[in-house]
PDB file of N, CA and C in Angstrom:
ATOM      1  N   UNK A   1       0.844  -1.177   0.000  1.00  0.00           N
ATOM      2  CA  UNK A   1       0.000   0.000   0.000  1.00  0.00           C
ATOM      3  C   UNK A   1       0.894   1.246   0.000  1.00  0.00           C
ATOM      4  N   UNK A   2       0.599   2.193  -0.899  1.00  0.00           N
ATOM      5  CA  UNK A   2       1.406   3.402  -0.999  1.00  0.00           C
ATOM      6  C   UNK A   2       1.183   4.294   0.215  1.00  0.00           C
ATOM      7  N   UNK A   3       2.167   5.165   0.430  1.00  0.00           N
ATOM      8  CA  UNK A   3       2.095   6.133   1.521  1.00  0.00           C
ATOM      9  C   UNK A   3       2.212   7.526   0.924  1.00  0.00           C
ATOM     10  N   UNK A   4       1.352   8.431   1.356  1.00  0.00           N
ATOM     11  CA  UNK A   4       1.353   9.797   0.891  1.00  0.00           C
ATOM     12  C   UNK A   4       1.761  10.698   2.043  1.00  0.00           C
ATOM     13  N   UNK A   5       2.831  11.458   1.858  1.00  0.00           N
ATOM     14  CA  UNK A   5       3.363  12.344   2.888  1.00  0.00           C
ATOM     15  C   UNK A   5       3.232  13.777   2.408  1.00  0.00           C
ATOM     16  N   UNK A   6       2.594  14.619   3.196  1.00  0.00           N
ATOM     17  CA  UNK A   6       2.510  16.043   2.872  1.00  0.00           C
ATOM     18  C   UNK A   6       3.694  16.768   3.469  1.00  0.00           C
ATOM     19  N   UNK A   7       4.318  17.619   2.695  1.00  0.00           N
ATOM     20  CA  UNK A   7       5.485  18.383   3.144  1.00  0.00           C
ATOM     21  C   UNK A   7       5.164  19.857   2.941  1.00  0.00           C
ATOM     22  N   UNK A   8       5.003  20.585   4.036  1.00  0.00           N
ATOM     23  CA  UNK A   8       4.659  21.998   3.966  1.00  0.00           C
ATOM     24  C   UNK A   8       5.603  22.803   4.838  1.00  0.00           C
ATOM     25  N   UNK A   9       5.592  24.091   4.634  1.00  0.00           N
ATOM     26  CA  UNK A   9       6.391  24.990   5.453  1.00  0.00           C
ATOM     27  C   UNK A   9       6.530  26.332   4.770  1.00  0.00           C
ATOM     28  N   UNK A  10       6.966  27.298   5.535  1.00  0.00           N
ATOM     29  CA  UNK A  10       7.143  28.646   5.013  1.00  0.00           C
ATOM     30  C   UNK A  10       8.394  28.751   4.146  1.00  0.00           C
ATOM     31  N   UNK A  11       8.584  29.932   3.583  1.00  0.00           N
ATOM     32  CA  UNK A  11       9.752  30.203   2.753  1.00  0.00           C
ATOM     33  C   UNK A  11      11.008  30.027   3.602  1.00  0.00           C
ATOM     34  N   UNK A  12      11.969  29.273   3.059  1.00  0.00           N
ATOM     35  CA  UNK A  12      13.238  29.084   3.747  1.00  0.00           C
ATOM     36  C   UNK A  12      13.197  28.095   4.895  1.00  0.00           C
ATOM     37  N   UNK A  13      12.126  27.310   4.983  1.00  0.00           N
ATOM     38  CA  UNK A  13      11.994  26.394   6.119  1.00  0.00           C
ATOM     39  C   UNK A  13      12.662  25.041   5.885  1.00  0.00           C
ATOM     40  N   UNK A  14      13.154  24.800   4.659  1.00  0.00           N
ATOM     41  CA  UNK A  14      13.850  23.550   4.391  1.00  0.00           C
ATOM     42  C   UNK A  14      13.050  22.515   3.623  1.00  0.00           C
ATOM     43  N   UNK A  15      11.960  22.936   3.000  1.00  0.00           N
ATOM     44  CA  UNK A  15      11.139  21.988   2.236  1.00  0.00           C
ATOM     45  C   UNK A  15      11.937  21.325   1.119  1.00  0.00           C
ATOM     46  N   UNK A  16      12.703  22.115   0.393  1.00  0.00           N
ATOM     47  CA  UNK A  16      13.483  21.550  -0.717  1.00  0.00           C
ATOM     48  C   UNK A  16      14.526  20.568  -0.215  1.00  0.00           C
ATOM     49  N   UNK A  17      15.164  20.903   0.881  1.00  0.00           N
ATOM     50  CA  UNK A  17      16.174  20.005   1.470  1.00  0.00           C
ATOM     51  C   UNK A  17      15.518  18.714   1.944  1.00  0.00           C
ATOM     52  N   UNK A  18      14.400  18.843   2.644  1.00  0.00           N
ATOM     53  CA  UNK A  18      13.696  17.652   3.121  1.00  0.00           C
ATOM     54  C   UNK A  18      13.209  16.808   1.944  1.00  0.00           C
ATOM     55  N   UNK A  19      12.698  17.455   0.909  1.00  0.00           N
ATOM     56  CA  UNK A  19      12.245  16.733  -0.269  1.00  0.00           C
ATOM     57  C   UNK A  19      13.384  15.991  -0.948  1.00  0.00           C
ATOM     58  N   UNK A  20      14.545  16.634  -1.027  1.00  0.00           N
ATOM     59  CA  UNK A  20      15.707  15.985  -1.642  1.00  0.00           C
ATOM     60  C   UNK A  20      16.151  14.774  -0.822  1.00  0.00           C
ATOM     61  N   UNK A  21      16.141  14.903   0.479  1.00  0.00           N
ATOM     62  CA  UNK A  21      16.527  13.775   1.342  1.00  0.00           C
ATOM     63  C   UNK A  21      15.554  12.612   1.147  1.00  0.00           C
ATOM     64  N   UNK A  22      14.271  12.909   1.157  1.00  0.00           N
ATOM     65  CA  UNK A  22      13.263  11.857   0.983  1.00  0.00           C
ATOM     66  C   UNK A  22      13.361  11.216  -0.396  1.00  0.00           C
ATOM     67  N   UNK A  23      13.647  12.022  -1.413  1.00  0.00           N
ATOM     68  CA  UNK A  23      13.838  11.477  -2.761  1.00  0.00           C
ATOM     69  C   UNK A  23      15.047  10.554  -2.806  1.00  0.00           C
ATOM     70  N   UNK A  24      16.131  10.973  -2.149  1.00  0.00           N
ATOM     71  CA  UNK A  24      17.332  10.129  -2.089  1.00  0.00           C
ATOM     72  C   UNK A  24      17.065   8.812  -1.375  1.00  0.00           C
ATOM     73  N   UNK A  25      16.082   8.803  -0.495  1.00  0.00           N
ATOM     74  CA  UNK A  25      15.706   7.579   0.221  1.00  0.00           C
ATOM     75  C   UNK A  25      14.706   6.735  -0.567  1.00  0.00           C
ATOM     76  N   UNK A  26      14.329   7.208  -1.768  1.00  0.00           N
ATOM     77  CA  UNK A  26      13.460   6.412  -2.627  1.00  0.00           C
ATOM     78  C   UNK A  26      12.046   6.921  -2.798  1.00  0.00           C
ATOM     79  N   UNK A  27      11.712   8.012  -2.140  1.00  0.00           N
ATOM     80  CA  UNK A  27      10.358   8.554  -2.285  1.00  0.00           C
ATOM     81  C   UNK A  27      10.217   9.260  -3.633  1.00  0.00           C
ATOM     82  N   UNK A  28       8.991   9.371  -4.093  1.00  0.00           N
ATOM     83  CA  UNK A  28       8.681  10.118  -5.305  1.00  0.00           C
ATOM     84  C   UNK A  28       8.163  11.488  -4.872  1.00  0.00           C
ATOM     85  N   UNK A  29       8.781  12.537  -5.370  1.00  0.00           N
ATOM     86  CA  UNK A  29       8.400  13.897  -4.996  1.00  0.00           C
ATOM     87  C   UNK A  29       7.500  14.497  -6.074  1.00  0.00           C
ATOM     88  N   UNK A  30       6.332  14.972  -5.670  1.00  0.00           N
ATOM     89  CA  UNK A  30       5.439  15.703  -6.560  1.00  0.00           C
ATOM     90  C   UNK A  30       5.354  17.112  -5.990  1.00  0.00           C
ATOM     91  N   UNK A  31       5.893  18.055  -6.727  1.00  0.00           N
ATOM     92  CA  UNK A  31       5.985  19.441  -6.269  1.00  0.00           C
ATOM     93  C   UNK A  31       4.729  20.207  -6.713  1.00  0.00           C
ATOM     94  N   UNK A  32       3.880  20.540  -5.754  1.00  0.00           N
ATOM     95  CA  UNK A  32       2.630  21.247  -6.077  1.00  0.00           C
ATOM     96  C   UNK A  32       2.909  22.638  -6.624  1.00  0.00           C
ATOM     97  N   UNK A  33       3.964  23.307  -6.142  1.00  0.00           N
ATOM     98  CA  UNK A  33       4.303  24.628  -6.674  1.00  0.00           C
ATOM     99  C   UNK A  33       4.698  24.529  -8.143  1.00  0.00           C
ATOM    100  N   UNK A  34       5.530  23.562  -8.465  1.00  0.00           N
ATOM    101  CA  UNK A  34       5.936  23.367  -9.866  1.00  0.00           C
ATOM    102  C   UNK A  34       4.718  23.020 -10.723  1.00  0.00           C
ATOM    103  N   UNK A  35       3.836  22.194 -10.184  1.00  0.00           N
ATOM    104  CA  UNK A  35       2.623  21.835 -10.903  1.00  0.00           C
ATOM    105  C   UNK A  35       1.775  23.073 -11.171  1.00  0.00           C
ATOM    106  N   UNK A  36       1.671  23.946 -10.185  1.00  0.00           N
ATOM    107  CA  UNK A  36       0.906  25.185 -10.367  1.00  0.00           C
ATOM    108  C   UNK A  36       1.519  26.040 -11.475  1.00  0.00           C
ATOM    109  N   UNK A  37       2.835  26.119 -11.514  1.00  0.00           N
ATOM    110  CA  UNK A  37       3.499  26.878 -12.579  1.00  0.00           C
ATOM    111  C   UNK A  37       3.173  26.278 -13.948  1.00  0.00           C
ATOM    112  N   UNK A  38       3.140  24.960 -14.029  1.00  0.00           N
ATOM    113  CA  UNK A  38       2.844  24.286 -15.298  1.00  0.00           C
ATOM    114  C   UNK A  38       1.428  24.599 -15.782  1.00  0.00           C
ATOM    115  N   UNK A  39       0.515  24.797 -14.856  1.00  0.00           N
ATOM    116  CA  UNK A  39      -0.887  25.045 -15.192  1.00  0.00           C
ATOM    117  C   UNK A  39      -1.061  26.381 -15.913  1.00  0.00           C
ATOM    118  N   UNK A  40      -0.117  27.295 -15.701  1.00  0.00           N
ATOM    119  CA  UNK A  40      -0.175  28.613 -16.342  1.00  0.00           C
ATOM    120  C   UNK A  40       0.409  28.625 -17.753  1.00  0.00           C
ATOM    121  N   UNK A  41       0.996  27.523 -18.204  1.00  0.00           N
ATOM    122  CA  UNK A  41       1.655  27.492 -19.514  1.00  0.00           C
ATOM    123  C   UNK A  41       0.645  27.616 -20.651  1.00  0.00           C
ATOM    124  N   UNK A  42       1.053  28.258 -21.747  1.00  0.00           N
ATOM    125  CA  UNK A  42       0.162  28.353 -22.909  1.00  0.00           C
ATOM    126  C   UNK A  42      -0.325  26.963 -23.333  1.00  0.00           C
ATOM    127  N   UNK A  43      -1.594  26.899 -23.663  1.00  0.00           N
ATOM    128  CA  UNK A  43      -2.204  25.637 -24.068  1.00  0.00           C
ATOM    129  C   UNK A  43      -2.841  24.882 -22.916  1.00  0.00           C
ATOM    130  N   UNK A  44      -2.538  25.285 -21.693  1.00  0.00           N
ATOM    131  CA  UNK A  44      -3.124  24.642 -20.516  1.00  0.00           C
ATOM    132  C   UNK A  44      -4.403  25.376 -20.115  1.00  0.00           C
ATOM    133  N   UNK A  45      -5.273  24.669 -19.405  1.00  0.00           N
ATOM    134  CA  UNK A  45      -6.555  25.257 -18.999  1.00  0.00           C
ATOM    135  C   UNK A  45      -6.369  26.460 -18.092  1.00  0.00           C
ATOM    136  N   UNK A  46      -5.374  26.409 -17.212  1.00  0.00           N
ATOM    137  CA  UNK A  46      -5.124  27.534 -16.312  1.00  0.00           C
ATOM    138  C   UNK A  46      -4.778  28.796 -17.078  1.00  0.00           C
ATOM    139  N   UNK A  47      -3.993  28.657 -18.124  1.00  0.00           N
ATOM    140  CA  UNK A  47      -3.625  29.802 -18.968  1.00  0.00           C
ATOM    141  C   UNK A  47      -4.888  30.415 -19.566  1.00  0.00           C
ATOM    142  N   UNK A  48      -5.738  29.560 -20.114  1.00  0.00           N
ATOM    143  CA  UNK A  48      -6.983  30.045 -20.716  1.00  0.00           C
ATOM    144  C   UNK A  48      -7.856  30.759 -19.693  1.00  0.00           C
ATOM    145  N   UNK A  49      -7.994  30.168 -18.506  1.00  0.00           N
ATOM    146  CA  UNK A  49      -8.827  30.768 -17.455  1.00  0.00           C
ATOM    147  C   UNK A  49      -8.298  32.137 -17.039  1.00  0.00           C
ATOM    148  N   UNK A  50      -6.980  32.234 -16.876  1.00  0.00           N
ATOM    149  CA  UNK A  50      -6.371  33.496 -16.458  1.00  0.00           C
ATOM    150  C   UNK A  50      -6.581  34.566 -17.522  1.00  0.00           C
ATOM    151  N   UNK A  51      -6.357  34.216 -18.772  1.00  0.00           N
ATOM    152  CA  UNK A  51      -6.529  35.195 -19.851  1.00  0.00           C
ATOM    153  C   UNK A  51      -7.999  35.594 -19.977  1.00  0.00           C
ATOM    154  N   UNK A  52      -8.912  34.633 -19.831  1.00  0.00           N
ATOM    155  CA  UNK A  52     -10.343  34.948 -19.891  1.00  0.00           C
ATOM    156  C   UNK A  52     -10.728  35.934 -18.789  1.00  0.00           C
ATOM    157  N   UNK A  53     -10.166  35.758 -17.598  1.00  0.00           N
ATOM    158  CA  UNK A  53     -10.546  36.608 -16.457  1.00  0.00           C
ATOM    159  C   UNK A  53      -9.790  37.939 -16.424  1.00  0.00           C
ATOM    160  N   UNK A  54      -8.485  37.906 -16.725  1.00  0.00           N
ATOM    161  CA  UNK A  54      -7.657  39.091 -16.520  1.00  0.00           C
ATOM    162  C   UNK A  54      -7.192  39.757 -17.817  1.00  0.00           C
ATOM    163  N   UNK A  55      -7.395  39.095 -18.946  1.00  0.00           N
ATOM    164  CA  UNK A  55      -7.025  39.671 -20.227  1.00  0.00           C
ATOM    165  C   UNK A  55      -5.565  39.440 -20.581  1.00  0.00           C
ATOM    166  N   UNK A  56      -5.218  39.882 -21.770  1.00  0.00           N
ATOM    167  CA  UNK A  56      -3.864  39.657 -22.277  1.00  0.00           C
ATOM    168  C   UNK A  56      -2.829  40.538 -21.591  1.00  0.00           C
ATOM    169  N   UNK A  57      -3.262  41.489 -20.779  1.00  0.00           N
ATOM    170  CA  UNK A  57      -2.318  42.364 -20.074  1.00  0.00           C
ATOM    171  C   UNK A  57      -1.451  41.592 -19.075  1.00  0.00           C
ATOM    172  N   UNK A  58      -1.828  40.350 -18.747  1.00  0.00           N
ATOM    173  CA  UNK A  58      -1.027  39.547 -17.808  1.00  0.00           C
ATOM    174  C   UNK A  58      -0.080  38.599 -18.542  1.00  0.00           C
ATOM    175  N   UNK A  59       0.009  38.752 -19.865  1.00  0.00           N
ATOM    176  CA  UNK A  59       0.890  37.885 -20.644  1.00  0.00           C
ATOM    177  C   UNK A  59       2.213  38.584 -20.936  1.00  0.00           C
ATOM    178  N   UNK A  60       3.270  37.796 -20.926  1.00  0.00           N
ATOM    179  CA  UNK A  60       4.574  38.288 -21.319  1.00  0.00           C
ATOM    180  C   UNK A  60       4.704  38.264 -22.824  1.00  0.00           C
ATOM    181  N   UNK A  61       5.839  38.731 -23.339  1.00  0.00           N
ATOM    182  CA  UNK A  61       6.045  38.764 -24.793  1.00  0.00           C
ATOM    183  C   UNK A  61       5.975  37.390 -25.448  1.00  0.00           C
ATOM    184  N   UNK A  62       6.248  36.342 -24.667  1.00  0.00           N
ATOM    185  CA  UNK A  62       6.212  34.976 -25.211  1.00  0.00           C
ATOM    186  C   UNK A  62       4.825  34.351 -25.161  1.00  0.00           C
ATOM    187  N   UNK A  63       3.841  35.093 -24.645  1.00  0.00           N
ATOM    188  CA  UNK A  63       2.477  34.590 -24.568  1.00  0.00           C
ATOM    189  C   UNK A  63       2.177  33.819 -23.292  1.00  0.00           C
ATOM    190  N   UNK A  64       3.185  33.615 -22.454  1.00  0.00           N
ATOM    191  CA  UNK A  64       2.985  32.919 -21.180  1.00  0.00           C
ATOM    192  C   UNK A  64       2.464  33.910 -20.138  1.00  0.00           C
ATOM    193  N   UNK A  65       1.762  33.396 -19.149  1.00  0.00           N
ATOM    194  CA  UNK A  65       1.298  34.241 -18.057  1.00  0.00           C
ATOM    195  C   UNK A  65       2.524  34.759 -17.319  1.00  0.00           C
ATOM    196  N   UNK A  66       2.597  36.074 -17.189  1.00  0.00           N
ATOM    197  CA  UNK A  66       3.657  36.710 -16.416  1.00  0.00           C
ATOM    198  C   UNK A  66       3.159  36.794 -14.977  1.00  0.00           C
ATOM    199  N   UNK A  67       3.684  35.932 -14.132  1.00  0.00           N
ATOM    200  CA  UNK A  67       3.180  35.825 -12.768  1.00  0.00           C
ATOM    201  C   UNK A  67       3.406  37.110 -11.967  1.00  0.00           C
ATOM    202  N   UNK A  68       4.414  37.876 -12.315  1.00  0.00           N
ATOM    203  CA  UNK A  68       4.632  39.162 -11.638  1.00  0.00           C
ATOM    204  C   UNK A  68       3.510  40.141 -11.975  1.00  0.00           C
ATOM    205  N   UNK A  69       3.159  40.222 -13.258  1.00  0.00           N
ATOM    206  CA  UNK A  69       2.062  41.101 -13.663  1.00  0.00           C
ATOM    207  C   UNK A  69       0.748  40.660 -13.032  1.00  0.00           C
ATOM    208  N   UNK A  70       0.509  39.355 -13.039  1.00  0.00           N
ATOM    209  CA  UNK A  70      -0.707  38.825 -12.427  1.00  0.00           C
ATOM    210  C   UNK A  70      -0.723  39.130 -10.935  1.00  0.00           C
ATOM    211  N   UNK A  71       0.425  38.967 -10.286  1.00  0.00           N
ATOM    212  CA  UNK A  71       0.521  39.253  -8.856  1.00  0.00           C
ATOM    213  C   UNK A  71       0.219  40.699  -8.523  1.00  0.00           C
ATOM    214  N   UNK A  72       0.661  41.613  -9.380  1.00  0.00           N
ATOM    215  CA  UNK A  72       0.369  43.035  -9.150  1.00  0.00           C
ATOM    216  C   UNK A  72      -1.128  43.288  -9.099  1.00  0.00           C
ATOM    217  N   UNK A  73      -1.874  42.534  -9.857  1.00  0.00           N
ATOM    218  CA  UNK A  73      -3.332  42.695  -9.876  1.00  0.00           C
ATOM    219  C   UNK A  73      -3.967  42.031  -8.664  1.00  0.00           C
ATOM    220  N   UNK A  74      -3.666  40.759  -8.467  1.00  0.00           N
ATOM    221  CA  UNK A  74      -4.420  39.993  -7.472  1.00  0.00           C
ATOM    222  C   UNK A  74      -4.038  40.334  -6.034  1.00  0.00           C
ATOM    223  N   UNK A  75      -2.837  40.822  -5.812  1.00  0.00           N
ATOM    224  CA  UNK A  75      -2.464  41.137  -4.429  1.00  0.00           C
ATOM    225  C   UNK A  75      -2.908  42.535  -4.011  1.00  0.00           C
ATOM    226  N   UNK A  76      -3.554  43.265  -4.939  1.00  0.00           N
ATOM    227  CA  UNK A  76      -4.173  44.545  -4.605  1.00  0.00           C
ATOM    228  C   UNK A  76      -5.693  44.451  -4.591  1.00  0.00           C
ATOM    229  N   UNK A  77      -6.218  43.323  -5.025  1.00  0.00           N
ATOM    230  CA  UNK A  77      -7.666  43.186  -5.204  1.00  0.00           C
ATOM    231  C   UNK A  77      -8.096  41.814  -4.692  1.00  0.00           C
ATOM    232  N   UNK A  78      -8.713  41.793  -3.518  1.00  0.00           N
ATOM    233  CA  UNK A  78      -9.100  40.524  -2.887  1.00  0.00           C
ATOM    234  C   UNK A  78     -10.076  39.715  -3.735  1.00  0.00           C
ATOM    235  N   UNK A  79     -10.954  40.390  -4.451  1.00  0.00           N
ATOM    236  CA  UNK A  79     -11.900  39.679  -5.315  1.00  0.00           C
ATOM    237  C   UNK A  79     -11.159  38.997  -6.471  1.00  0.00           C
ATOM    238  N   UNK A  80     -10.193  39.706  -7.038  1.00  0.00           N
ATOM    239  CA  UNK A  80      -9.401  39.125  -8.129  1.00  0.00           C
ATOM    240  C   UNK A  80      -8.598  37.928  -7.614  1.00  0.00           C
ATOM    241  N   UNK A  81      -8.047  38.039  -6.406  1.00  0.00           N
ATOM    242  CA  UNK A  81      -7.297  36.919  -5.815  1.00  0.00           C
ATOM    243  C   UNK A  81      -8.216  35.731  -5.575  1.00  0.00           C
ATOM    244  N   UNK A  82      -9.407  35.985  -5.071  1.00  0.00           N
ATOM    245  CA  UNK A  82     -10.368  34.902  -4.840  1.00  0.00           C
ATOM    246  C   UNK A  82     -10.747  34.233  -6.162  1.00  0.00           C
ATOM    247  N   UNK A  83     -10.925  35.032  -7.199  1.00  0.00           N
ATOM    248  CA  UNK A  83     -11.242  34.469  -8.518  1.00  0.00           C
ATOM    249  C   UNK A  83     -10.099  33.586  -9.011  1.00  0.00           C
ATOM    250  N   UNK A  84      -8.868  34.084  -8.885  1.00  0.00           N
ATOM    251  CA  UNK A  84      -7.705  33.308  -9.329  1.00  0.00           C
ATOM    252  C   UNK A  84      -7.610  31.990  -8.575  1.00  0.00           C
ATOM    253  N   UNK A  85      -7.730  32.063  -7.254  1.00  0.00           N
ATOM    254  CA  UNK A  85      -7.655  30.849  -6.444  1.00  0.00           C
ATOM    255  C   UNK A  85      -8.761  29.861  -6.810  1.00  0.00           C
ATOM    256  N   UNK A  86      -9.952  30.366  -7.054  1.00  0.00           N
ATOM    257  CA  UNK A  86     -11.080  29.485  -7.407  1.00  0.00           C
ATOM    258  C   UNK A  86     -10.850  28.800  -8.752  1.00  0.00           C
ATOM    259  N   UNK A  87     -10.097  29.438  -9.634  1.00  0.00           N
ATOM    260  CA  UNK A  87      -9.811  28.846 -10.948  1.00  0.00           C
ATOM    261  C   UNK A  87      -8.641  27.870 -10.875  1.00  0.00           C
ATOM    262  N   UNK A  88      -7.574  28.271 -10.210  1.00  0.00           N
ATOM    263  CA  UNK A  88      -6.317  27.543 -10.286  1.00  0.00           C
ATOM    264  C   UNK A  88      -6.228  26.401  -9.282  1.00  0.00           C
ATOM    265  N   UNK A  89      -6.674  26.587  -8.055  1.00  0.00           N
ATOM    266  CA  UNK A  89      -6.534  25.539  -7.037  1.00  0.00           C
ATOM    267  C   UNK A  89      -7.168  24.206  -7.449  1.00  0.00           C
ATOM    268  N   UNK A  90      -8.386  24.200  -8.004  1.00  0.00           N
ATOM    269  CA  UNK A  90      -8.941  22.908  -8.434  1.00  0.00           C
ATOM    270  C   UNK A  90      -8.105  22.252  -9.534  1.00  0.00           C
ATOM    271  N   UNK A  91      -7.550  23.056 -10.430  1.00  0.00           N
ATOM    272  CA  UNK A  91      -6.714  22.495 -11.491  1.00  0.00           C
ATOM    273  C   UNK A  91      -5.439  21.884 -10.931  1.00  0.00           C
ATOM    274  N   UNK A  92      -4.857  22.547  -9.937  1.00  0.00           N
ATOM    275  CA  UNK A  92      -3.642  22.006  -9.302  1.00  0.00           C
ATOM    276  C   UNK A  92      -3.971  20.700  -8.593  1.00  0.00           C
ATOM    277  N   UNK A  93      -5.061  20.693  -7.824  1.00  0.00           N
ATOM    278  CA  UNK A  93      -5.453  19.458  -7.124  1.00  0.00           C
ATOM    279  C   UNK A  93      -5.677  18.318  -8.105  1.00  0.00           C
ATOM    280  N   UNK A  94      -6.348  18.607  -9.213  1.00  0.00           N
ATOM    281  CA  UNK A  94      -6.629  17.585 -10.227  1.00  0.00           C
ATOM    282  C   UNK A  94      -5.318  17.060 -10.832  1.00  0.00           C
ATOM    283  N   UNK A  95      -4.418  17.948 -11.136  1.00  0.00           N
ATOM    284  CA  UNK A  95      -3.149  17.550 -11.747  1.00  0.00           C
ATOM    285  C   UNK A  95      -2.295  16.738 -10.773  1.00  0.00           C
ATOM    286  N   UNK A  96      -2.232  17.178  -9.518  1.00  0.00           N
ATOM    287  CA  UNK A  96      -1.462  16.442  -8.511  1.00  0.00           C
ATOM    288  C   UNK A  96      -2.079  15.058  -8.298  1.00  0.00           C
ATOM    289  N   UNK A  97      -3.398  14.987  -8.241  1.00  0.00           N
ATOM    290  CA  UNK A  97      -4.067  13.687  -8.070  1.00  0.00           C
ATOM    291  C   UNK A  97      -3.725  12.753  -9.229  1.00  0.00           C
ATOM    292  N   UNK A  98      -3.692  13.295 -10.443  1.00  0.00           N
ATOM    293  CA  UNK A  98      -3.315  12.484 -11.599  1.00  0.00           C
ATOM    294  C   UNK A  98      -1.888  11.980 -11.506  1.00  0.00           C
ATOM    295  N   UNK A  99      -0.987  12.828 -11.025  1.00  0.00           N
ATOM    296  CA  UNK A  99       0.415  12.422 -10.862  1.00  0.00           C
ATOM    297  C   UNK A  99       0.534  11.327  -9.797  1.00  0.00           C
ATOM    298  N   UNK A 100      -0.223  11.473  -8.714  1.00  0.00           N
ATOM    299  CA  UNK A 100      -0.215  10.447  -7.661  1.00  0.00           C
ATOM    300  C   UNK A 100      -0.722   9.123  -8.238  1.00  0.00           C
ATOM    301  N   UNK A 101      -1.819   9.182  -8.974  1.00  0.00           N
ATOM    302  CA  UNK A 101      -2.365   7.965  -9.589  1.00  0.00           C
ATOM    303  C   UNK A 101      -1.345   7.299 -10.504  1.00  0.00           C
ATOM    304  N   UNK A 102      -0.609   8.113 -11.271  1.00  0.00           N
ATOM    305  CA  UNK A 102       0.413   7.565 -12.168  1.00  0.00           C
ATOM    306  C   UNK A 102       1.500   6.833 -11.385  1.00  0.00           C
ATOM    307  N   UNK A 103       1.955   7.437 -10.290  1.00  0.00           N
ATOM    308  CA  UNK A 103       3.012   6.815  -9.476  1.00  0.00           C
ATOM    309  C   UNK A 103       2.509   5.519  -8.860  1.00  0.00           C
ATOM    310  N   UNK A 104       1.321   5.562  -8.286  1.00  0.00           N
ATOM    311  CA  UNK A 104       0.761   4.371  -7.641  1.00  0.00           C
ATOM    312  C   UNK A 104       0.517   3.271  -8.670  1.00  0.00           C
ATOM    313  N   UNK A 105       0.107   3.658  -9.876  1.00  0.00           N
ATOM    314  CA  UNK A 105      -0.086   2.673 -10.931  1.00  0.00           C
ATOM    315  C   UNK A 105       1.197   1.950 -11.282  1.00  0.00           C
ATOM    316  N   UNK A 106       2.313   2.668 -11.224  1.00  0.00           N
ATOM    317  CA  UNK A 106       3.616   2.070 -11.522  1.00  0.00           C
ATOM    318  C   UNK A 106       4.190   1.316 -10.327  1.00  0.00           C
ATOM    319  N   UNK A 107       3.870   1.782  -9.109  1.00  0.00           N
ATOM    320  CA  UNK A 107       4.435   1.169  -7.897  1.00  0.00           C
ATOM    321  C   UNK A 107       3.429   1.284  -6.757  1.00  0.00           C
ATOM    322  N   UNK A 108       2.608   0.253  -6.555  1.00  0.00           N
ATOM    323  CA  UNK A 108       1.562   0.321  -5.528  1.00  0.00           C
ATOM    324  C   UNK A 108       2.103   0.511  -4.109  1.00  0.00           C
ATOM    325  N   UNK A 109       3.399   0.293  -3.905  1.00  0.00           N
ATOM    326  CA  UNK A 109       4.001   0.469  -2.584  1.00  0.00           C
ATOM    327  C   UNK A 109       4.803   1.767  -2.477  1.00  0.00           C
ATOM    328  N   UNK A 110       4.613   2.668  -3.404  1.00  0.00           N
ATOM    329  CA  UNK A 110       5.397   3.892  -3.458  1.00  0.00           C
ATOM    330  C   UNK A 110       5.172   4.769  -2.229  1.00  0.00           C
ATOM    331  N   UNK A 111       6.209   5.506  -1.887  1.00  0.00           N
ATOM    332  CA  UNK A 111       6.122   6.577  -0.911  1.00  0.00           C
ATOM    333  C   UNK A 111       6.139   7.865  -1.723  1.00  0.00           C
ATOM    334  N   UNK A 112       5.089   8.654  -1.579  1.00  0.00           N
ATOM    335  CA  UNK A 112       4.916   9.863  -2.377  1.00  0.00           C
ATOM    336  C   UNK A 112       4.906  11.071  -1.452  1.00  0.00           C
ATOM    337  N   UNK A 113       5.746  12.027  -1.772  1.00  0.00           N
ATOM    338  CA  UNK A 113       5.825  13.274  -0.987  1.00  0.00           C
ATOM    339  C   UNK A 113       5.303  14.394  -1.861  1.00  0.00           C
TER     340      UNK A 113
END
């Protein structure tokens, strides 16, 4: 039976170090932050949702969501932040769940962080 370990903490608390140690011990690391970044890529549903809600003004020259520009909007406007979270969080959860399923499918005894 697989084991799922949640690893959380503030900035600079050692999450990356702990994740690297656990990976070296054989665990599979699924990085929710990295997954969230992937959701903003052109062609992904998160990208479409962000552009639909905030317009092309949040895109960089390469057409990708510029997270700094988006942050300038949402961290000044609680409603905009709530909208962003309501769009992106379910997509991240869905993507992480799919990654977990993939790992468990390959190794039913996996340790997943």
